[in-house]
Amino acid sequence: MRRVIGIALGLSVVIGVLVTAFVWPSSEVAPRDVPIAVAGPPEAVAQVEEQLAEAMPDAFDVSQLADADAARAAIEDRDVYGAVVLDPAGPPRVLTASAAGPAVAQLLQGLAAELSAQAGGAEAAPAVAVDDVAPLPDGDPRGIGFNSGALPMVMGGLAIGVAMVFTVAGVWRRVAGAALAAAGGGAVAMLVMQSWLGILEGNWWANAGVFTLTVAAVALTVVGVHSLVGEAGIGLSALVMLIVGNPLSGVTSAPEMLPSGWGAFGQLLPPGAGGSLLRSTAYFDGAAAGRPLLVLVSWLAFGLLLAALGTRVAARRSAEGGASDAVRDADEPAVGAGR
């Protein structure tokens, strides 16, 4: 009964950790230094910045730009999530990018209503136009499909890694199998998400490559950690990738809307980097792809390094074990010796 009670209490703690990991980031979603731009005359820009700081302290990281063209370019380059364009001859305009994050786009639409009210009162306010510079595709107008497609990258990578560990002998055969499975999974995922459902746009092969790279980064980490520390490495990999990485990926909102610091940390893990890179290739022609690509490649290299270290450690242990057996056999007298 002590064992039963101990296991039950331990599982209760695990459930508490799971609930905390998945619920806490979502419950704390709020804008925190979300990068946006304000374009227009310097005096008007300064006034809008002051209004934003008073209405939503620390919510926006504002960049000053010259005009609407510069604001659009900044959005398309993924330098900012949206912009307020001030026109001396008329009401302001708000530029959004649903493809960069529907949650931030909704936030900026609310900002447009606020600017409208401040400009002329709630009833006689001039209309503030909202222009979606980078809209989501017709097959996924609210981004739900994209958000749902992010989790299979993590789960698929974990499943491939675990399957290779338990069904394939030899670390490098496991690595090769994981790479092949990731490539096949990336192609199948794009057939479903882009060719069939129309959730993604952009270059088909680039999107498939991102999916493959993310799955492979997770799978090779599982294989590498397992080769070095054994079966405990599977639980450790799942903890990092699924329990920590997935909730902090910022895929369903934006990294800047997660609790301070955690969103940036999530972008250093494969789920966050993979989600950001897929947004770049699918909706922004690869803009701002450098950093998440570097993160995923680094995790791939990390998994391969661990696999190499695990292979060396196993070979050393095998050699030491063989030497010990040889010494023990040499010390034991042969049958009939000494008579």
Protein backbone atom coordinates (compact mmCIF):
# COMPACT_ATOMS: atom_id res chain seq x y z
CA MET A 1 0.00 0.00 0.00
CA ARG A 2 2.89 2.36 0.62
CA ARG A 3 3.97 1.79 -2.96
CA VAL A 4 0.44 2.38 -4.26
CA ILE A 5 0.07 5.58 -2.24
CA GLY A 6 3.49 6.81 -3.36
CA ILE A 7 2.72 6.19 -7.04
CA ALA A 8 -0.68 7.87 -6.70
CA LEU A 9 0.84 10.95 -5.06
CA GLY A 10 3.59 11.09 -7.67
CA LEU A 11 1.09 10.96 -10.51
CA SER A 12 -0.94 13.70 -8.82
CA VAL A 13 2.15 15.89 -8.86
CA VAL A 14 2.71 15.07 -12.55
CA ILE A 15 -0.86 16.15 -13.34
CA GLY A 16 -0.27 19.38 -11.44
CA VAL A 17 2.88 20.03 -13.48
CA LEU A 18 1.03 19.34 -16.73
CA VAL A 19 -1.85 21.64 -15.83
CA THR A 20 0.56 24.39 -14.80
CA ALA A 21 2.66 24.04 -17.95
CA PHE A 22 -0.28 24.22 -20.34
CA VAL A 23 -2.70 26.50 -18.50
CA TRP A 24 -0.43 29.10 -16.87
CA PRO A 25 1.05 30.60 -20.09
CA SER A 26 -2.41 30.78 -21.69
CA SER A 27 -3.97 32.42 -18.64
CA GLU A 28 -1.26 35.10 -18.60
CA VAL A 29 -1.49 36.07 -22.28
CA ALA A 30 -1.25 39.85 -22.60
CA PRO A 31 0.71 42.29 -24.80
CA ARG A 32 4.23 42.87 -23.50
CA ASP A 33 6.45 45.06 -25.67
CA VAL A 34 4.74 43.89 -28.85
CA PRO A 35 6.67 45.55 -31.71
CA ILE A 36 4.47 47.88 -33.76
CA ALA A 37 5.16 50.97 -35.85
CA VAL A 38 3.62 54.43 -35.94
CA ALA A 39 4.08 56.27 -39.24
CA GLY A 40 3.49 59.93 -39.84
CA PRO A 41 4.69 63.41 -38.84
CA PRO A 42 7.00 63.32 -35.79
CA GLU A 43 4.70 65.47 -33.63
CA ALA A 44 1.67 63.28 -34.33
CA VAL A 45 3.69 60.10 -33.80
CA ALA A 46 4.86 61.32 -30.41
CA GLN A 47 1.29 62.08 -29.41
CA VAL A 48 0.08 58.59 -30.38
CA GLU A 49 3.00 57.01 -28.52
CA GLU A 50 1.99 58.91 -25.40
CA GLN A 51 -1.63 57.83 -25.79
CA LEU A 52 -0.60 54.19 -26.17
CA ALA A 53 1.66 54.35 -23.13
CA GLU A 54 -1.14 55.78 -21.03
CA ALA A 55 -3.85 53.42 -22.25
CA MET A 56 -1.74 50.21 -22.20
CA PRO A 57 1.53 50.64 -20.27
CA ASP A 58 4.40 48.45 -21.51
CA ALA A 59 2.14 46.81 -24.08
CA PHE A 60 3.88 48.05 -27.23
CA ASP A 61 7.43 48.61 -28.42
CA VAL A 62 6.85 51.46 -30.87
CA SER A 63 9.06 52.22 -33.85
CA GLN A 64 8.71 55.55 -35.65
CA LEU A 65 8.49 55.34 -39.43
CA ALA A 66 8.09 57.94 -42.15
CA ASP A 67 5.02 56.78 -44.05
CA ALA A 68 2.62 53.96 -44.90
CA ASP A 69 5.01 52.36 -47.41
CA ALA A 70 7.70 52.04 -44.75
CA ALA A 71 5.14 50.59 -42.34
CA ARG A 72 4.01 47.98 -44.87
CA ALA A 73 7.61 47.03 -45.59
CA ALA A 74 8.31 46.59 -41.88
CA ILE A 75 5.28 44.32 -41.51
CA GLU A 76 6.21 42.24 -44.55
CA ASP A 77 9.77 41.87 -43.22
CA ARG A 78 8.31 40.73 -39.85
CA ASP A 79 10.02 43.58 -38.01
CA VAL A 80 6.66 44.64 -36.53
CA TYR A 81 3.23 43.03 -36.12
CA GLY A 82 1.30 46.05 -37.35
CA ALA A 83 1.28 49.81 -37.63
CA VAL A 84 -0.72 52.97 -37.07
CA VAL A 85 -0.52 55.27 -40.07
CA LEU A 86 -1.26 58.93 -39.33
CA ASP A 87 -2.63 60.99 -42.18
CA PRO A 88 -2.82 64.77 -41.62
CA ALA A 89 -5.66 64.98 -44.13
CA GLY A 90 -7.88 62.34 -42.55
CA PRO A 91 -8.35 59.78 -39.78
CA PRO A 92 -5.56 57.36 -38.92
CA ARG A 93 -5.31 53.90 -40.44
CA VAL A 94 -4.31 50.68 -38.72
CA LEU A 95 -2.31 48.04 -40.58
CA THR A 96 -2.45 44.49 -39.23
CA ALA A 97 -1.00 41.10 -40.22
CA SER A 98 -3.25 38.21 -39.27
CA ALA A 99 -0.71 35.74 -40.64
CA ALA A 100 1.87 36.97 -38.11
CA GLY A 101 -0.50 36.25 -35.24
CA PRO A 102 -4.30 36.52 -35.15
CA ALA A 103 -4.23 37.46 -31.46
CA VAL A 104 -2.07 40.53 -32.13
CA ALA A 105 -4.20 41.44 -35.16
CA GLN A 106 -7.31 41.41 -32.96
CA LEU A 107 -5.49 43.56 -30.42
CA LEU A 108 -4.67 46.11 -33.11
CA GLN A 109 -8.27 46.11 -34.35
CA GLY A 110 -9.29 47.05 -30.81
CA LEU A 111 -6.67 49.76 -30.92
CA ALA A 112 -8.29 51.12 -34.06
CA ALA A 113 -11.60 51.45 -32.24
CA GLU A 114 -9.86 53.22 -29.37
CA LEU A 115 -8.19 55.68 -31.75
CA SER A 116 -11.55 56.28 -33.39
CA ALA A 117 -13.16 57.14 -30.07
CA GLN A 118 -10.31 59.45 -29.08
CA ALA A 119 -10.50 61.27 -32.39
CA GLY A 120 -14.12 62.31 -32.28
CA GLY A 121 -16.04 60.80 -29.40
CA ALA A 122 -17.88 57.50 -29.26
CA GLU A 123 -20.82 58.58 -31.45
CA ALA A 124 -19.32 60.99 -33.98
CA ALA A 125 -15.95 59.29 -34.31
CA PRO A 126 -14.41 59.18 -37.77
CA ALA A 127 -13.96 55.70 -39.16
CA VAL A 128 -10.49 54.23 -38.65
CA ALA A 129 -9.76 51.89 -41.56
CA VAL A 130 -8.13 48.55 -40.77
CA ASP A 131 -6.03 46.99 -43.54
CA ASP A 132 -4.77 43.42 -43.18
CA VAL A 133 -1.42 43.56 -44.96
CA ALA A 134 -0.69 39.82 -44.54
CA PRO A 135 -4.01 37.99 -44.22
CA LEU A 136 -4.42 34.32 -43.45
CA PRO A 137 -5.50 32.08 -46.35
CA ASP A 138 -9.17 31.47 -47.09
CA GLY A 139 -8.77 27.87 -45.93
CA ASP A 140 -7.81 29.01 -42.44
CA PRO A 141 -9.19 32.54 -41.90
CA ARG A 142 -8.82 32.47 -38.09
CA GLY A 143 -5.51 30.59 -37.90
CA ILE A 144 -6.98 27.62 -36.05
CA GLY A 145 -5.61 25.13 -38.56
CA PHE A 146 -2.10 26.57 -38.32
CA ASN A 147 -2.22 26.43 -34.53
CA SER A 148 -3.44 22.84 -34.62
CA GLY A 149 -0.72 21.84 -37.07
CA ALA A 150 2.06 22.98 -34.75
CA LEU A 151 1.52 20.25 -32.13
CA PRO A 152 2.03 17.32 -34.58
CA MET A 153 5.53 18.64 -35.27
CA VAL A 154 6.39 18.04 -31.61
CA MET A 155 4.36 14.88 -31.09
CA GLY A 156 5.58 13.45 -34.38
CA GLY A 157 9.20 14.07 -33.48
CA LEU A 158 8.78 12.45 -30.07
CA ALA A 159 6.96 9.47 -31.58
CA ILE A 160 9.65 8.94 -34.21
CA GLY A 161 12.46 9.20 -31.66
CA VAL A 162 10.82 6.76 -29.25
CA ALA A 163 9.96 4.32 -32.05
CA MET A 164 13.56 4.30 -33.29
CA VAL A 165 14.92 3.77 -29.78
CA PHE A 166 12.75 0.73 -29.10
CA THR A 167 12.63 -0.89 -32.55
CA VAL A 168 15.98 -0.22 -34.21
CA ALA A 169 19.39 -1.46 -33.06
CA GLY A 170 22.38 0.84 -33.36
CA VAL A 171 22.52 4.57 -32.72
CA TRP A 172 23.38 5.62 -36.27
CA ARG A 173 20.72 3.40 -37.77
CA ARG A 174 18.28 5.12 -35.41
CA VAL A 175 19.54 8.51 -36.59
CA ALA A 176 19.12 7.53 -40.25
CA GLY A 177 15.65 6.14 -39.59
CA ALA A 178 14.59 9.28 -37.72
CA ALA A 179 15.80 11.48 -40.57
CA LEU A 180 13.93 9.44 -43.18
CA ALA A 181 10.74 9.37 -41.09
CA ALA A 182 10.94 13.14 -40.53
CA ALA A 183 11.28 13.75 -44.28
CA GLY A 184 8.31 11.51 -45.03
CA GLY A 185 6.29 13.16 -42.26
CA GLY A 186 7.04 16.63 -43.60
CA ALA A 187 5.86 15.68 -47.09
CA VAL A 188 2.67 14.04 -45.80
CA ALA A 189 1.95 17.02 -43.52
CA MET A 190 2.14 19.43 -46.47
CA LEU A 191 -0.09 17.20 -48.58
CA VAL A 192 -2.70 17.53 -45.84
CA MET A 193 -2.17 21.09 -44.63
CA GLN A 194 -1.35 22.86 -47.89
CA SER A 195 -2.44 20.72 -50.86
CA TRP A 196 -5.70 19.47 -49.36
CA LEU A 197 -6.88 21.87 -46.62
CA GLY A 198 -5.29 25.08 -47.90
CA ILE A 199 -4.10 26.07 -44.41
CA LEU A 200 -0.66 27.10 -45.63
CA GLU A 201 0.54 29.17 -48.57
CA GLY A 202 3.97 29.90 -49.97
CA ASN A 203 6.52 27.49 -51.40
CA TRP A 204 5.38 23.90 -50.83
CA TRP A 205 8.89 22.49 -50.59
CA ALA A 206 10.06 25.18 -48.19
CA ASN A 207 7.12 24.49 -45.87
CA ALA A 208 7.76 20.74 -46.08
CA GLY A 209 11.40 21.41 -45.26
CA VAL A 210 10.47 23.41 -42.16
CA PHE A 211 8.14 20.68 -40.93
CA THR A 212 10.81 18.06 -41.60
CA LEU A 213 13.50 20.08 -39.86
CA THR A 214 11.38 20.62 -36.75
CA VAL A 215 10.36 16.96 -36.49
CA ALA A 216 13.96 15.86 -37.04
CA ALA A 217 15.27 18.26 -34.39
CA VAL A 218 12.93 16.71 -31.82
CA ALA A 219 13.47 13.12 -32.93
CA LEU A 220 17.26 13.31 -33.09
CA THR A 221 17.34 14.92 -29.65
CA VAL A 222 15.40 11.94 -28.29
CA VAL A 223 17.78 9.49 -29.97
CA GLY A 224 20.86 11.40 -28.84
CA VAL A 225 19.80 11.85 -25.22
CA HIS A 226 18.75 8.19 -25.01
CA SER A 227 22.11 7.02 -26.37
CA LEU A 228 23.86 8.94 -23.61
CA VAL A 229 21.68 8.47 -20.51
CA GLY A 230 19.39 5.58 -21.40
CA GLU A 231 15.61 5.39 -21.05
CA ALA A 232 15.52 8.36 -18.70
CA GLY A 233 16.45 10.43 -21.74
CA ILE A 234 13.04 9.78 -23.27
CA GLY A 235 11.25 11.37 -20.31
CA LEU A 236 13.73 14.26 -20.27
CA SER A 237 13.19 14.93 -23.98
CA ALA A 238 9.41 14.85 -23.58
CA LEU A 239 9.68 17.28 -20.67
CA VAL A 240 11.73 19.79 -22.66
CA MET A 241 9.91 19.51 -25.98
CA LEU A 242 6.30 18.90 -25.00
CA ILE A 243 5.76 20.06 -21.43
CA VAL A 244 7.98 23.15 -21.65
CA GLY A 245 8.49 23.89 -25.33
CA ASN A 246 4.95 23.53 -26.64
CA PRO A 247 3.16 25.90 -24.20
CA LEU A 248 5.95 28.46 -24.55
CA SER A 249 6.09 28.29 -28.35
CA GLY A 250 3.80 31.31 -28.79
CA VAL A 251 2.16 29.67 -31.80
CA THR A 252 -1.41 30.30 -30.65
CA SER A 253 -0.76 33.94 -29.67
CA ALA A 254 2.70 35.48 -30.06
CA PRO A 255 5.93 35.14 -28.07
CA GLU A 256 5.58 38.76 -26.93
CA MET A 257 2.18 38.00 -25.38
CA LEU A 258 3.48 35.28 -23.05
CA PRO A 259 4.74 36.02 -19.51
CA SER A 260 7.84 38.19 -19.63
CA GLY A 261 10.95 36.31 -20.72
CA TRP A 262 9.22 32.97 -21.26
CA GLY A 263 8.18 33.77 -24.81
CA ALA A 264 11.78 34.54 -25.77
CA PHE A 265 12.93 31.33 -24.07
CA GLY A 266 10.32 29.36 -25.98
CA GLN A 267 11.78 30.58 -29.27
CA LEU A 268 15.03 28.80 -28.37
CA LEU A 269 13.28 25.42 -28.35
CA PRO A 270 12.19 23.48 -31.47
CA PRO A 271 8.40 24.01 -31.03
CA GLY A 272 8.72 27.79 -30.90
CA ALA A 273 11.40 28.02 -33.57
CA GLY A 274 9.52 25.63 -35.85
CA GLY A 275 6.28 27.57 -35.55
CA SER A 276 7.97 30.90 -36.26
CA LEU A 277 9.90 29.51 -39.21
CA LEU A 278 6.76 27.98 -40.72
CA ARG A 279 4.97 31.34 -40.47
CA SER A 280 7.87 32.96 -42.29
CA THR A 281 7.96 30.51 -45.17
CA ALA A 282 4.19 30.12 -45.50
CA TYR A 283 3.06 33.75 -45.28
CA PHE A 284 6.08 36.10 -45.53
CA ASP A 285 8.32 34.65 -48.29
CA GLY A 286 10.90 33.58 -45.73
CA ALA A 287 11.29 36.96 -44.01
CA ALA A 288 12.89 36.77 -40.54
CA ALA A 289 13.68 33.08 -41.06
CA GLY A 290 17.32 33.28 -40.04
CA ARG A 291 17.05 33.02 -36.27
CA PRO A 292 14.53 30.15 -36.02
CA LEU A 293 16.43 28.28 -38.73
CA LEU A 294 19.63 28.63 -36.71
CA VAL A 295 17.85 27.35 -33.59
CA LEU A 296 16.56 24.23 -35.36
CA VAL A 297 19.91 23.47 -36.98
CA SER A 298 21.58 23.88 -33.58
CA TRP A 299 19.18 21.33 -32.05
CA LEU A 300 19.91 18.94 -34.92
CA ALA A 301 23.63 19.30 -34.30
CA PHE A 302 23.06 18.87 -30.58
CA GLY A 303 21.20 15.60 -31.13
CA LEU A 304 23.93 14.29 -33.44
CA LEU A 305 26.61 15.31 -30.93
CA LEU A 306 24.84 13.46 -28.13
CA ALA A 307 24.48 10.42 -30.38
CA ALA A 308 28.22 10.45 -31.09
CA LEU A 309 29.06 10.84 -27.40
CA GLY A 310 26.67 8.05 -26.49
CA THR A 311 28.26 5.78 -29.08
CA ARG A 312 31.74 6.53 -27.75
CA VAL A 313 30.70 5.97 -24.14
CA ALA A 314 29.05 2.66 -25.04
CA ALA A 315 32.14 1.54 -26.96
CA ARG A 316 34.40 2.44 -24.03
CA ARG A 317 32.21 0.56 -21.57
CA SER A 318 32.16 -2.44 -23.88
CA ALA A 319 35.93 -2.36 -24.22
CA GLU A 320 36.42 -2.04 -20.46
CA GLY A 321 33.98 -4.86 -19.88
CA GLY A 322 35.80 -7.07 -22.37
CA ALA A 323 39.16 -6.27 -20.74
CA SER A 324 37.75 -7.07 -17.30
CA ASP A 325 36.47 -10.42 -18.55
CA ALA A 326 39.87 -11.19 -20.08
CA VAL A 327 41.66 -10.36 -16.81
CA ARG A 328 39.23 -12.45 -14.80
CA ASP A 329 39.65 -15.40 -17.19
CA ALA A 330 43.44 -15.10 -16.96
CA ASP A 331 43.38 -15.12 -13.16
CA GLU A 332 41.20 -18.21 -12.96
CA PRO A 333 43.21 -21.46 -13.08
CA ALA A 334 42.45 -23.86 -15.86
CA VAL A 335 40.65 -27.08 -15.03
CA GLY A 336 43.11 -29.59 -13.67
CA ALA A 337 45.91 -27.03 -13.27
CA GLY A 338 48.08 -27.21 -10.18
CA ARG A 339 47.88 -30.98 -9.73
